[in-house]
Amino acid sequence: MRQPQIVQALAGRIPGMGGVFAGRLRNAHQVESLVANLISVNRRYKAHAGLRVTDV
């Protein structure tokens, strides 16, 4: 079993969650930057901003 498949299987064990292969590890910095921005927005505005990927 390849690494993305293992991670997807682990995510699938969480109720209501599923894994999606979003590309190679070298692209992770883009996701990390987005998460850092969401954390900053949530702290500043005391909000619960997030991102939802649908129809996958």
PDB file of N, CA and C in Angstrom:
ATOM      1  N   MET A   1       0.858  -1.181   0.000  1.00  0.00           N
ATOM      2  CA  MET A   1       0.000   0.000   0.000  1.00  0.00           C
ATOM      3  C   MET A   1       0.903   1.243   0.000  1.00  0.00           C
ATOM      4  N   ARG A   2       0.614   2.167  -0.899  1.00  0.00           N
ATOM      5  CA  ARG A   2       1.401   3.397  -0.992  1.00  0.00           C
ATOM      6  C   ARG A   2       1.028   4.360   0.125  1.00  0.00           C
ATOM      7  N   GLN A   3       1.936   5.273   0.414  1.00  0.00           N
ATOM      8  CA  GLN A   3       1.743   6.204   1.518  1.00  0.00           C
ATOM      9  C   GLN A   3       0.442   7.008   1.411  1.00  0.00           C
ATOM     10  N   PRO A   4       0.087   7.586   0.248  1.00  0.00           N
ATOM     11  CA  PRO A   4      -1.186   8.325   0.185  1.00  0.00           C
ATOM     12  C   PRO A   4      -2.387   7.443   0.523  1.00  0.00           C
ATOM     13  N   GLN A   5      -2.341   6.198   0.120  1.00  0.00           N
ATOM     14  CA  GLN A   5      -3.451   5.288   0.412  1.00  0.00           C
ATOM     15  C   GLN A   5      -3.538   4.999   1.900  1.00  0.00           C
ATOM     16  N   ILE A   6      -2.395   4.888   2.571  1.00  0.00           N
ATOM     17  CA  ILE A   6      -2.383   4.654   4.016  1.00  0.00           C
ATOM     18  C   ILE A   6      -2.996   5.844   4.744  1.00  0.00           C
ATOM     19  N   VAL A   7      -2.597   7.048   4.342  1.00  0.00           N
ATOM     20  CA  VAL A   7      -3.118   8.264   4.987  1.00  0.00           C
ATOM     21  C   VAL A   7      -4.617   8.394   4.737  1.00  0.00           C
ATOM     22  N   GLN A   8      -5.061   8.092   3.519  1.00  0.00           N
ATOM     23  CA  GLN A   8      -6.491   8.160   3.215  1.00  0.00           C
ATOM     24  C   GLN A   8      -7.267   7.144   4.054  1.00  0.00           C
ATOM     25  N   ALA A   9      -6.712   5.969   4.245  1.00  0.00           N
ATOM     26  CA  ALA A   9      -7.380   4.949   5.061  1.00  0.00           C
ATOM     27  C   ALA A   9      -7.472   5.399   6.513  1.00  0.00           C
ATOM     28  N   LEU A  10      -6.422   6.023   7.027  1.00  0.00           N
ATOM     29  CA  LEU A  10      -6.446   6.524   8.406  1.00  0.00           C
ATOM     30  C   LEU A  10      -7.481   7.640   8.564  1.00  0.00           C
ATOM     31  N   ALA A  11      -7.522   8.559   7.606  1.00  0.00           N
ATOM     32  CA  ALA A  11      -8.506   9.643   7.669  1.00  0.00           C
ATOM     33  C   ALA A  11      -9.921   9.089   7.587  1.00  0.00           C
ATOM     34  N   GLY A  12     -10.115   8.030   6.822  1.00  0.00           N
ATOM     35  CA  GLY A  12     -11.431   7.419   6.684  1.00  0.00           C
ATOM     36  C   GLY A  12     -11.944   6.785   7.967  1.00  0.00           C
ATOM     37  N   ARG A  13     -11.047   6.529   8.916  1.00  0.00           N
ATOM     38  CA  ARG A  13     -11.473   5.952  10.196  1.00  0.00           C
ATOM     39  C   ARG A  13     -12.093   6.992  11.122  1.00  0.00           C
ATOM     40  N   ILE A  14     -11.916   8.268  10.802  1.00  0.00           N
ATOM     41  CA  ILE A  14     -12.505   9.349  11.597  1.00  0.00           C
ATOM     42  C   ILE A  14     -13.922   9.571  11.082  1.00  0.00           C
ATOM     43  N   PRO A  15     -14.931   9.506  11.966  1.00  0.00           N
ATOM     44  CA  PRO A  15     -16.318   9.691  11.512  1.00  0.00           C
ATOM     45  C   PRO A  15     -16.516  11.024  10.775  1.00  0.00           C
ATOM     46  N   GLY A  16     -17.105  10.956   9.595  1.00  0.00           N
ATOM     47  CA  GLY A  16     -17.399  12.152   8.821  1.00  0.00           C
ATOM     48  C   GLY A  16     -16.225  12.688   8.019  1.00  0.00           C
ATOM     49  N   MET A  17     -15.094  12.001   8.037  1.00  0.00           N
ATOM     50  CA  MET A  17     -13.910  12.482   7.326  1.00  0.00           C
ATOM     51  C   MET A  17     -13.509  11.515   6.229  1.00  0.00           C
ATOM     52  N   GLY A  18     -12.740  12.005   5.306  1.00  0.00           N
ATOM     53  CA  GLY A  18     -12.190  11.175   4.250  1.00  0.00           C
ATOM     54  C   GLY A  18     -10.902  11.784   3.752  1.00  0.00           C
ATOM     55  N   GLY A  19     -10.048  10.970   3.203  1.00  0.00           N
ATOM     56  CA  GLY A  19      -8.774  11.461   2.694  1.00  0.00           C
ATOM     57  C   GLY A  19      -8.857  11.767   1.211  1.00  0.00           C
ATOM     58  N   VAL A  20      -8.155  12.800   0.806  1.00  0.00           N
ATOM     59  CA  VAL A  20      -8.088  13.186  -0.600  1.00  0.00           C
ATOM     60  C   VAL A  20      -6.624  13.406  -0.942  1.00  0.00           C
ATOM     61  N   PHE A  21      -6.131  12.748  -1.982  1.00  0.00           N
ATOM     62  CA  PHE A  21      -4.757  12.975  -2.418  1.00  0.00           C
ATOM     63  C   PHE A  21      -4.695  14.328  -3.112  1.00  0.00           C
ATOM     64  N   ALA A  22      -3.933  15.253  -2.535  1.00  0.00           N
ATOM     65  CA  ALA A  22      -3.885  16.620  -3.053  1.00  0.00           C
ATOM     66  C   ALA A  22      -2.554  16.965  -3.697  1.00  0.00           C
ATOM     67  N   GLY A  23      -1.760  15.972  -3.989  1.00  0.00           N
ATOM     68  CA  GLY A  23      -0.501  16.237  -4.673  1.00  0.00           C
ATOM     69  C   GLY A  23       0.703  15.803  -3.867  1.00  0.00           C
ATOM     70  N   ARG A  24       1.843  16.103  -4.391  1.00  0.00           N
ATOM     71  CA  ARG A  24       3.096  15.681  -3.785  1.00  0.00           C
ATOM     72  C   ARG A  24       3.420  16.501  -2.542  1.00  0.00           C
ATOM     73  N   LEU A  25       4.298  15.974  -1.726  1.00  0.00           N
ATOM     74  CA  LEU A  25       4.694  16.621  -0.485  1.00  0.00           C
ATOM     75  C   LEU A  25       5.320  17.989  -0.729  1.00  0.00           C
ATOM     76  N   ARG A  26       5.954  18.166  -1.868  1.00  0.00           N
ATOM     77  CA  ARG A  26       6.602  19.451  -2.136  1.00  0.00           C
ATOM     78  C   ARG A  26       5.595  20.599  -2.244  1.00  0.00           C
ATOM     79  N   ASN A  27       4.309  20.291  -2.378  1.00  0.00           N
ATOM     80  CA  ASN A  27       3.266  21.321  -2.430  1.00  0.00           C
ATOM     81  C   ASN A  27       2.711  21.659  -1.049  1.00  0.00           C
ATOM     82  N   ALA A  28       3.189  20.988  -0.018  1.00  0.00           N
ATOM     83  CA  ALA A  28       2.625  21.162   1.320  1.00  0.00           C
ATOM     84  C   ALA A  28       2.798  22.582   1.852  1.00  0.00           C
ATOM     85  N   HIS A  29       3.831  23.281   1.424  1.00  0.00           N
ATOM     86  CA  HIS A  29       4.047  24.634   1.943  1.00  0.00           C
ATOM     87  C   HIS A  29       2.875  25.557   1.604  1.00  0.00           C
ATOM     88  N   GLN A  30       2.210  25.312   0.500  1.00  0.00           N
ATOM     89  CA  GLN A  30       1.055  26.136   0.131  1.00  0.00           C
ATOM     90  C   GLN A  30      -0.091  25.919   1.110  1.00  0.00           C
ATOM     91  N   VAL A  31      -0.321  24.669   1.484  1.00  0.00           N
ATOM     92  CA  VAL A  31      -1.386  24.362   2.434  1.00  0.00           C
ATOM     93  C   VAL A  31      -1.034  24.923   3.811  1.00  0.00           C
ATOM     94  N   GLU A  32       0.220  24.790   4.214  1.00  0.00           N
ATOM     95  CA  GLU A  32       0.651  25.314   5.510  1.00  0.00           C
ATOM     96  C   GLU A  32       0.475  26.829   5.575  1.00  0.00           C
ATOM     97  N   SER A  33       0.762  27.518   4.482  1.00  0.00           N
ATOM     98  CA  SER A  33       0.576  28.970   4.453  1.00  0.00           C
ATOM     99  C   SER A  33      -0.890  29.340   4.601  1.00  0.00           C
ATOM    100  N   LEU A  34      -1.758  28.598   3.935  1.00  0.00           N
ATOM    101  CA  LEU A  34      -3.192  28.852   4.040  1.00  0.00           C
ATOM    102  C   LEU A  34      -3.678  28.632   5.462  1.00  0.00           C
ATOM    103  N   VAL A  35      -3.219  27.573   6.094  1.00  0.00           N
ATOM    104  CA  VAL A  35      -3.627  27.282   7.466  1.00  0.00           C
ATOM    105  C   VAL A  35      -3.148  28.392   8.402  1.00  0.00           C
ATOM    106  N   ALA A  36      -1.928  28.865   8.202  1.00  0.00           N
ATOM    107  CA  ALA A  36      -1.406  29.953   9.035  1.00  0.00           C
ATOM    108  C   ALA A  36      -2.274  31.202   8.888  1.00  0.00           C
ATOM    109  N   ASN A  37      -2.718  31.496   7.669  1.00  0.00           N
ATOM    110  CA  ASN A  37      -3.592  32.652   7.457  1.00  0.00           C
ATOM    111  C   ASN A  37      -4.947  32.460   8.123  1.00  0.00           C
ATOM    112  N   LEU A  38      -5.507  31.266   8.051  1.00  0.00           N
ATOM    113  CA  LEU A  38      -6.793  31.003   8.709  1.00  0.00           C
ATOM    114  C   LEU A  38      -6.675  31.159  10.228  1.00  0.00           C
ATOM    115  N   ILE A  39      -5.583  30.670  10.792  1.00  0.00           N
ATOM    116  CA  ILE A  39      -5.370  30.816  12.235  1.00  0.00           C
ATOM    117  C   ILE A  39      -5.296  32.289  12.606  1.00  0.00           C
ATOM    118  N   SER A  40      -4.589  33.067  11.815  1.00  0.00           N
ATOM    119  CA  SER A  40      -4.457  34.496  12.072  1.00  0.00           C
ATOM    120  C   SER A  40      -5.811  35.204  12.007  1.00  0.00           C
ATOM    121  N   VAL A  41      -6.616  34.892  11.009  1.00  0.00           N
ATOM    122  CA  VAL A  41      -7.955  35.489  10.878  1.00  0.00           C
ATOM    123  C   VAL A  41      -8.813  35.104  12.076  1.00  0.00           C
ATOM    124  N   ASN A  42      -8.777  33.848  12.465  1.00  0.00           N
ATOM    125  CA  ASN A  42      -9.600  33.392  13.587  1.00  0.00           C
ATOM    126  C   ASN A  42      -9.201  34.065  14.893  1.00  0.00           C
ATOM    127  N   ARG A  43      -7.926  34.253  15.099  1.00  0.00           N
ATOM    128  CA  ARG A  43      -7.476  34.938  16.329  1.00  0.00           C
ATOM    129  C   ARG A  43      -7.897  36.396  16.330  1.00  0.00           C
ATOM    130  N   ARG A  44      -7.686  37.056  15.205  1.00  0.00           N
ATOM    131  CA  ARG A  44      -7.967  38.492  15.140  1.00  0.00           C
ATOM    132  C   ARG A  44      -9.451  38.792  15.311  1.00  0.00           C
ATOM    133  N   TYR A  45     -10.300  38.021  14.636  1.00  0.00           N
ATOM    134  CA  TYR A  45     -11.729  38.311  14.622  1.00  0.00           C
ATOM    135  C   TYR A  45     -12.545  37.392  15.536  1.00  0.00           C
ATOM    136  N   LYS A  46     -11.852  36.562  16.315  1.00  0.00           N
ATOM    137  CA  LYS A  46     -12.531  35.607  17.201  1.00  0.00           C
ATOM    138  C   LYS A  46     -13.598  34.830  16.422  1.00  0.00           C
ATOM    139  N   ALA A  47     -13.179  34.327  15.261  1.00  0.00           N
ATOM    140  CA  ALA A  47     -14.089  33.667  14.336  1.00  0.00           C
ATOM    141  C   ALA A  47     -13.767  32.179  14.248  1.00  0.00           C
ATOM    142  N   HIS A  48     -14.469  31.504  13.391  1.00  0.00           N
ATOM    143  CA  HIS A  48     -14.249  30.096  13.127  1.00  0.00           C
ATOM    144  C   HIS A  48     -14.126  29.877  11.622  1.00  0.00           C
ATOM    145  N   ALA A  49     -13.307  30.704  10.977  1.00  0.00           N
ATOM    146  CA  ALA A  49     -13.121  30.617   9.537  1.00  0.00           C
ATOM    147  C   ALA A  49     -12.441  29.295   9.183  1.00  0.00           C
ATOM    148  N   GLY A  50     -12.822  28.727   8.061  1.00  0.00           N
ATOM    149  CA  GLY A  50     -12.235  27.477   7.623  1.00  0.00           C
ATOM    150  C   GLY A  50     -12.376  27.323   6.130  1.00  0.00           C
ATOM    151  N   LEU A  51     -12.022  26.147   5.669  1.00  0.00           N
ATOM    152  CA  LEU A  51     -12.077  25.846   4.255  1.00  0.00           C
ATOM    153  C   LEU A  51     -12.728  24.491   4.091  1.00  0.00           C
ATOM    154  N   ARG A  52     -13.658  24.395   3.177  1.00  0.00           N
ATOM    155  CA  ARG A  52     -14.333  23.123   2.909  1.00  0.00           C
ATOM    156  C   ARG A  52     -14.210  22.821   1.424  1.00  0.00           C
ATOM    157  N   VAL A  53     -13.732  21.622   1.124  1.00  0.00           N
ATOM    158  CA  VAL A  53     -13.639  21.159  -0.253  1.00  0.00           C
ATOM    159  C   VAL A  53     -14.844  20.261  -0.498  1.00  0.00           C
ATOM    160  N   THR A  54     -15.640  20.588  -1.512  1.00  0.00           N
ATOM    161  CA  THR A  54     -16.865  19.823  -1.766  1.00  0.00           C
ATOM    162  C   THR A  54     -16.813  19.190  -3.153  1.00  0.00           C
ATOM    163  N   ASP A  55     -17.693  18.251  -3.362  1.00  0.00           N
ATOM    164  CA  ASP A  55     -17.859  17.564  -4.647  1.00  0.00           C
ATOM    165  C   ASP A  55     -16.585  16.876  -5.126  1.00  0.00           C
ATOM    166  N   VAL A  56     -15.905  16.239  -4.199  1.00  0.00           N
ATOM    167  CA  VAL A  56     -14.707  15.484  -4.563  1.00  0.00           C
ATOM    168  C   VAL A  56     -15.038  14.022  -4.553  1.00  0.00           C
TER     169      VAL A  56
END
